Amino acid sequence: MGFVKQLVLQPRFWWLLLIGWSGLIWLLATRQSVPTSGNNLFDYVWRQGGHGLLHTILYLLALRAAKCSWRPSQAAAFALIFSSGHAVLDEMIQHYVPGRSANFEDVITNLAGVLFGLLIVKIWKPSIKWI
């Protein structure tokens, strides 16, 4: 068995990946300013798409990590609660960052990303081998 395949089979790999992804999201949330292109529509779509995508991936990683440690129903509950809580906390953190603000619309976009991850699992699970 190859090194990468052995690594991917280790539960701690998925937990560390989840922690790393969570850290990346919070690192981005604590940046004091976000660069813009000057095109308001593009910037809006880019930011909202980024919020959703980051939290879709967060949900999928939380589900995969939890499935390594718990039964499927427990893993599904953990992934949904963890990623939803993270989505809200992400915006709460921004409230305390100079130059940033907590935005309810971003919370909704983050939660939509989590739900999109759930939808991916429900619809395409048989064809996604790593989940």
C-alpha atoms as a PDB file:
ATOM      1  CA  MET A   1       0.000   0.000   0.000  1.00  0.00           C
ATOM      2  CA  GLY A   2       1.350   3.419  -0.926  1.00  0.00           C
ATOM      3  CA  PHE A   3       2.267   6.120   1.551  1.00  0.00           C
ATOM      4  CA  VAL A   4      -0.556   8.450   0.508  1.00  0.00           C
ATOM      5  CA  LYS A   5      -3.145   5.686   0.720  1.00  0.00           C
ATOM      6  CA  GLN A   6      -1.907   4.725   4.193  1.00  0.00           C
ATOM      7  CA  LEU A   7      -2.004   8.361   5.288  1.00  0.00           C
ATOM      8  CA  VAL A   8      -5.573   8.866   4.046  1.00  0.00           C
ATOM      9  CA  LEU A   9      -6.713   5.788   5.965  1.00  0.00           C
ATOM     10  CA  GLN A  10      -5.533   7.297   9.251  1.00  0.00           C
ATOM     11  CA  PRO A  11      -8.289   9.049  11.260  1.00  0.00           C
ATOM     12  CA  ARG A  12      -5.831  11.623  12.583  1.00  0.00           C
ATOM     13  CA  PHE A  13      -5.111  12.739   8.975  1.00  0.00           C
ATOM     14  CA  TRP A  14      -8.749  13.795   8.541  1.00  0.00           C
ATOM     15  CA  TRP A  15      -8.950  15.418  11.988  1.00  0.00           C
ATOM     16  CA  LEU A  16      -5.768  17.391  11.316  1.00  0.00           C
ATOM     17  CA  LEU A  17      -7.061  18.407   7.902  1.00  0.00           C
ATOM     18  CA  LEU A  18     -10.307  19.591   9.505  1.00  0.00           C
ATOM     19  CA  ILE A  19      -8.432  21.574  12.157  1.00  0.00           C
ATOM     20  CA  GLY A  20      -6.192  23.086   9.484  1.00  0.00           C
ATOM     21  CA  TRP A  21      -9.160  24.088   7.310  1.00  0.00           C
ATOM     22  CA  SER A  22     -10.932  25.582  10.326  1.00  0.00           C
ATOM     23  CA  GLY A  23      -7.765  27.522  11.124  1.00  0.00           C
ATOM     24  CA  LEU A  24      -7.570  28.802   7.558  1.00  0.00           C
ATOM     25  CA  ILE A  25     -11.152  30.074   7.739  1.00  0.00           C
ATOM     26  CA  TRP A  26     -10.459  31.876  11.014  1.00  0.00           C
ATOM     27  CA  LEU A  27      -7.195  33.273   9.665  1.00  0.00           C
ATOM     28  CA  LEU A  28      -9.117  34.750   6.742  1.00  0.00           C
ATOM     29  CA  ALA A  29     -11.826  36.040   9.116  1.00  0.00           C
ATOM     30  CA  THR A  30      -9.292  37.908  11.241  1.00  0.00           C
ATOM     31  CA  ARG A  31      -7.652  39.790   8.375  1.00  0.00           C
ATOM     32  CA  GLN A  32      -8.172  43.486   8.987  1.00  0.00           C
ATOM     33  CA  SER A  33      -9.065  44.309   5.420  1.00  0.00           C
ATOM     34  CA  VAL A  34     -10.092  42.383   2.369  1.00  0.00           C
ATOM     35  CA  PRO A  35      -8.702  43.490  -1.006  1.00  0.00           C
ATOM     36  CA  THR A  36     -11.269  44.483  -3.612  1.00  0.00           C
ATOM     37  CA  SER A  37     -11.176  44.728  -7.377  1.00  0.00           C
ATOM     38  CA  GLY A  38     -13.228  47.896  -7.564  1.00  0.00           C
ATOM     39  CA  ASN A  39     -16.070  46.069  -9.313  1.00  0.00           C
ATOM     40  CA  ASN A  40     -18.787  45.863  -6.659  1.00  0.00           C
ATOM     41  CA  LEU A  41     -20.742  43.048  -8.316  1.00  0.00           C
ATOM     42  CA  PHE A  42     -17.646  40.915  -8.877  1.00  0.00           C
ATOM     43  CA  ASP A  43     -16.412  41.554  -5.328  1.00  0.00           C
ATOM     44  CA  TYR A  44     -19.814  40.630  -3.884  1.00  0.00           C
ATOM     45  CA  VAL A  45     -20.084  37.386  -5.864  1.00  0.00           C
ATOM     46  CA  TRP A  46     -16.445  36.497  -5.129  1.00  0.00           C
ATOM     47  CA  ARG A  47     -16.804  37.090  -1.372  1.00  0.00           C
ATOM     48  CA  GLN A  48     -20.140  35.325  -1.012  1.00  0.00           C
ATOM     49  CA  GLY A  49     -18.983  32.420  -3.169  1.00  0.00           C
ATOM     50  CA  GLY A  50     -15.854  32.165  -1.045  1.00  0.00           C
ATOM     51  CA  HIS A  51     -17.883  32.115   2.165  1.00  0.00           C
ATOM     52  CA  GLY A  52     -20.099  29.346   0.839  1.00  0.00           C
ATOM     53  CA  LEU A  53     -17.273  27.259  -0.621  1.00  0.00           C
ATOM     54  CA  LEU A  54     -15.132  27.449   2.518  1.00  0.00           C
ATOM     55  CA  HIS A  55     -18.015  26.165   4.626  1.00  0.00           C
ATOM     56  CA  THR A  56     -19.048  23.489   2.123  1.00  0.00           C
ATOM     57  CA  ILE A  57     -15.535  22.064   2.347  1.00  0.00           C
ATOM     58  CA  LEU A  58     -15.585  22.466   6.136  1.00  0.00           C
ATOM     59  CA  TYR A  59     -18.759  20.363   6.360  1.00  0.00           C
ATOM     60  CA  LEU A  60     -17.345  17.642   4.089  1.00  0.00           C
ATOM     61  CA  LEU A  61     -14.098  17.462   6.072  1.00  0.00           C
ATOM     62  CA  ALA A  62     -15.990  17.396   9.393  1.00  0.00           C
ATOM     63  CA  LEU A  63     -18.149  14.550   8.131  1.00  0.00           C
ATOM     64  CA  ARG A  64     -15.167  12.557   6.873  1.00  0.00           C
ATOM     65  CA  ALA A  65     -13.175  13.056  10.077  1.00  0.00           C
ATOM     66  CA  ALA A  66     -16.127  12.138  12.275  1.00  0.00           C
ATOM     67  CA  LYS A  67     -16.865   9.002  10.248  1.00  0.00           C
ATOM     68  CA  CYS A  68     -13.395   7.772  11.165  1.00  0.00           C
ATOM     69  CA  SER A  69     -14.296   7.895  14.850  1.00  0.00           C
ATOM     70  CA  TRP A  70     -18.054   7.482  15.243  1.00  0.00           C
ATOM     71  CA  ARG A  71     -21.101   5.758  13.814  1.00  0.00           C
ATOM     72  CA  PRO A  72     -22.567   7.358  10.655  1.00  0.00           C
ATOM     73  CA  SER A  73     -25.512   8.989  12.449  1.00  0.00           C
ATOM     74  CA  GLN A  74     -23.222  10.492  15.100  1.00  0.00           C
ATOM     75  CA  ALA A  75     -20.792  11.637  12.435  1.00  0.00           C
ATOM     76  CA  ALA A  76     -23.568  13.319  10.452  1.00  0.00           C
ATOM     77  CA  ALA A  77     -24.851  15.121  13.552  1.00  0.00           C
ATOM     78  CA  PHE A  78     -21.351  16.238  14.531  1.00  0.00           C
ATOM     79  CA  ALA A  79     -20.559  17.540  11.034  1.00  0.00           C
ATOM     80  CA  LEU A  80     -23.777  19.543  10.850  1.00  0.00           C
ATOM     81  CA  ILE A  81     -23.487  21.003  14.361  1.00  0.00           C
ATOM     82  CA  PHE A  82     -19.751  21.708  14.112  1.00  0.00           C
ATOM     83  CA  SER A  83     -19.825  23.354  10.701  1.00  0.00           C
ATOM     84  CA  SER A  84     -22.994  25.344  11.437  1.00  0.00           C
ATOM     85  CA  GLY A  85     -21.562  26.588  14.719  1.00  0.00           C
ATOM     86  CA  HIS A  86     -18.330  27.428  12.957  1.00  0.00           C
ATOM     87  CA  ALA A  87     -20.269  29.366  10.308  1.00  0.00           C
ATOM     88  CA  VAL A  88     -21.881  31.562  12.968  1.00  0.00           C
ATOM     89  CA  LEU A  89     -18.732  31.909  15.076  1.00  0.00           C
ATOM     90  CA  ASP A  90     -16.772  32.957  11.996  1.00  0.00           C
ATOM     91  CA  GLU A  91     -18.928  36.071  11.673  1.00  0.00           C
ATOM     92  CA  MET A  92     -18.939  36.743  15.413  1.00  0.00           C
ATOM     93  CA  ILE A  93     -15.135  36.827  15.365  1.00  0.00           C
ATOM     94  CA  GLN A  94     -15.211  39.416  12.571  1.00  0.00           C
ATOM     95  CA  HIS A  95     -17.218  41.727  14.830  1.00  0.00           C
ATOM     96  CA  TYR A  96     -14.068  42.212  16.940  1.00  0.00           C
ATOM     97  CA  VAL A  97     -11.602  42.638  14.070  1.00  0.00           C
ATOM     98  CA  PRO A  98     -10.774  46.268  13.207  1.00  0.00           C
ATOM     99  CA  GLY A  99     -11.921  47.077   9.681  1.00  0.00           C
ATOM    100  CA  ARG A 100     -14.335  44.116   9.585  1.00  0.00           C
ATOM    101  CA  SER A 101     -17.910  43.655  10.701  1.00  0.00           C
ATOM    102  CA  ALA A 102     -20.229  40.793  11.504  1.00  0.00           C
ATOM    103  CA  ASN A 103     -22.765  40.468   8.712  1.00  0.00           C
ATOM    104  CA  PHE A 104     -25.969  38.438   8.961  1.00  0.00           C
ATOM    105  CA  GLU A 105     -25.956  37.939   5.193  1.00  0.00           C
ATOM    106  CA  ASP A 106     -22.551  36.255   5.487  1.00  0.00           C
ATOM    107  CA  VAL A 107     -23.880  33.964   8.229  1.00  0.00           C
ATOM    108  CA  ILE A 108     -26.673  32.913   5.856  1.00  0.00           C
ATOM    109  CA  THR A 109     -24.143  32.352   3.058  1.00  0.00           C
ATOM    110  CA  ASN A 110     -21.916  30.308   5.393  1.00  0.00           C
ATOM    111  CA  LEU A 111     -24.881  28.189   6.458  1.00  0.00           C
ATOM    112  CA  ALA A 112     -25.931  27.784   2.815  1.00  0.00           C
ATOM    113  CA  GLY A 113     -22.435  26.420   2.165  1.00  0.00           C
ATOM    114  CA  VAL A 114     -22.901  23.896   4.965  1.00  0.00           C
ATOM    115  CA  LEU A 115     -26.278  22.866   3.540  1.00  0.00           C
ATOM    116  CA  PHE A 116     -24.749  22.581   0.079  1.00  0.00           C
ATOM    117  CA  GLY A 117     -22.182  20.167   1.543  1.00  0.00           C
ATOM    118  CA  LEU A 118     -25.039  18.158   3.054  1.00  0.00           C
ATOM    119  CA  LEU A 119     -26.782  18.161  -0.327  1.00  0.00           C
ATOM    120  CA  ILE A 120     -23.609  16.952  -2.048  1.00  0.00           C
ATOM    121  CA  VAL A 121     -23.435  14.026   0.352  1.00  0.00           C
ATOM    122  CA  LYS A 122     -27.113  13.139  -0.050  1.00  0.00           C
ATOM    123  CA  ILE A 123     -27.091  13.289  -3.847  1.00  0.00           C
ATOM    124  CA  TRP A 124     -23.611  12.197  -4.907  1.00  0.00           C
ATOM    125  CA  LYS A 125     -22.396  10.079  -1.986  1.00  0.00           C
ATOM    126  CA  PRO A 126     -22.190   6.819  -3.955  1.00  0.00           C
ATOM    127  CA  SER A 127     -19.809   8.403  -6.448  1.00  0.00           C
ATOM    128  CA  ILE A 128     -17.634  10.246  -3.881  1.00  0.00           C
ATOM    129  CA  LYS A 129     -15.397   7.561  -2.427  1.00  0.00           C
ATOM    130  CA  TRP A 130     -13.632   9.572   0.307  1.00  0.00           C
ATOM    131  CA  ILE A 131     -16.784  10.641   2.173  1.00  0.00           C
END
